[in-house]
């Protein structure tokens, strides 16, 4: 297991992707998780936001990342599985982009449920999306990681049902400890249940104040506090993951570069004894 950093840590400084890559390397990370988007986006174009357009040449992005001695642990490529007209082309494009960057997984979730889908319709729609996308993932050798983040995947039962809708070795789980905790789930039981299906982890800690204000009221949050400052027991997390044979990246999701540095120090200490 290795620590990594989701690029949202640089968002609080209104910096572009390149600045975030440089800062991540300076802090001491060796793995980053970029966020991607389609088309053109004003704040990214102006250099005030960290997201990367998939219309850019991916090999140039890879050159930038590798020039700082970094690798990609995955791509943050969230798109609504319940909207195949959006998610099928988006995920196929993200898979190709991830392959070019050397990222082993694209992370996504079911998205906000469309009002026109009833309880019986959501499952075949998501299954259609995944059945269309997963052959591309299998061809490129890139996993699709389902994250606990919305109304269905917020529960371990819902997460596992989505992650088993299609029989494919490339359909796995990107487990987010903070989202699970805020949704009212036991993250340790969730990790145990997901077990060997976990391909990537969002190492998101939740401050006590944040937990008291929102636990049971939300299905997730963009970023957490520094790992080690909140409610998540990272030694317990590491022990569960090790028992299930996980040897991937714990991608920290925090709000500032200072939190990113403290998270790295804490996870390095935890993992040195795992």
Foldseek 3Di string as FASTA:
>chain_A
DFAAAELLQCLVVQAEQLVSLLLRLVLPHAEYEAEEDEDDDVSNVVGRDHYHYLVDDLLVVLVSNVVSNHAYQEYAQEDALQPLVPQQVSLLSRLVSCLSNVHQEYEYENPEDDPPADPVRSLVSSLVSCVNRVVSCVVSNHAYAYEQFDDQSLELVSVVCSQVSDPDPRRAHAYEQQLNQQLPHHSLVSLLVRQLRHAHYADAFAAPVRSVVRRNNHRHDQGHFAPPRHDDDVLSVVVSNVVSPHDGYHHYGHHHSVSVSNNNVVVVVSVVVD
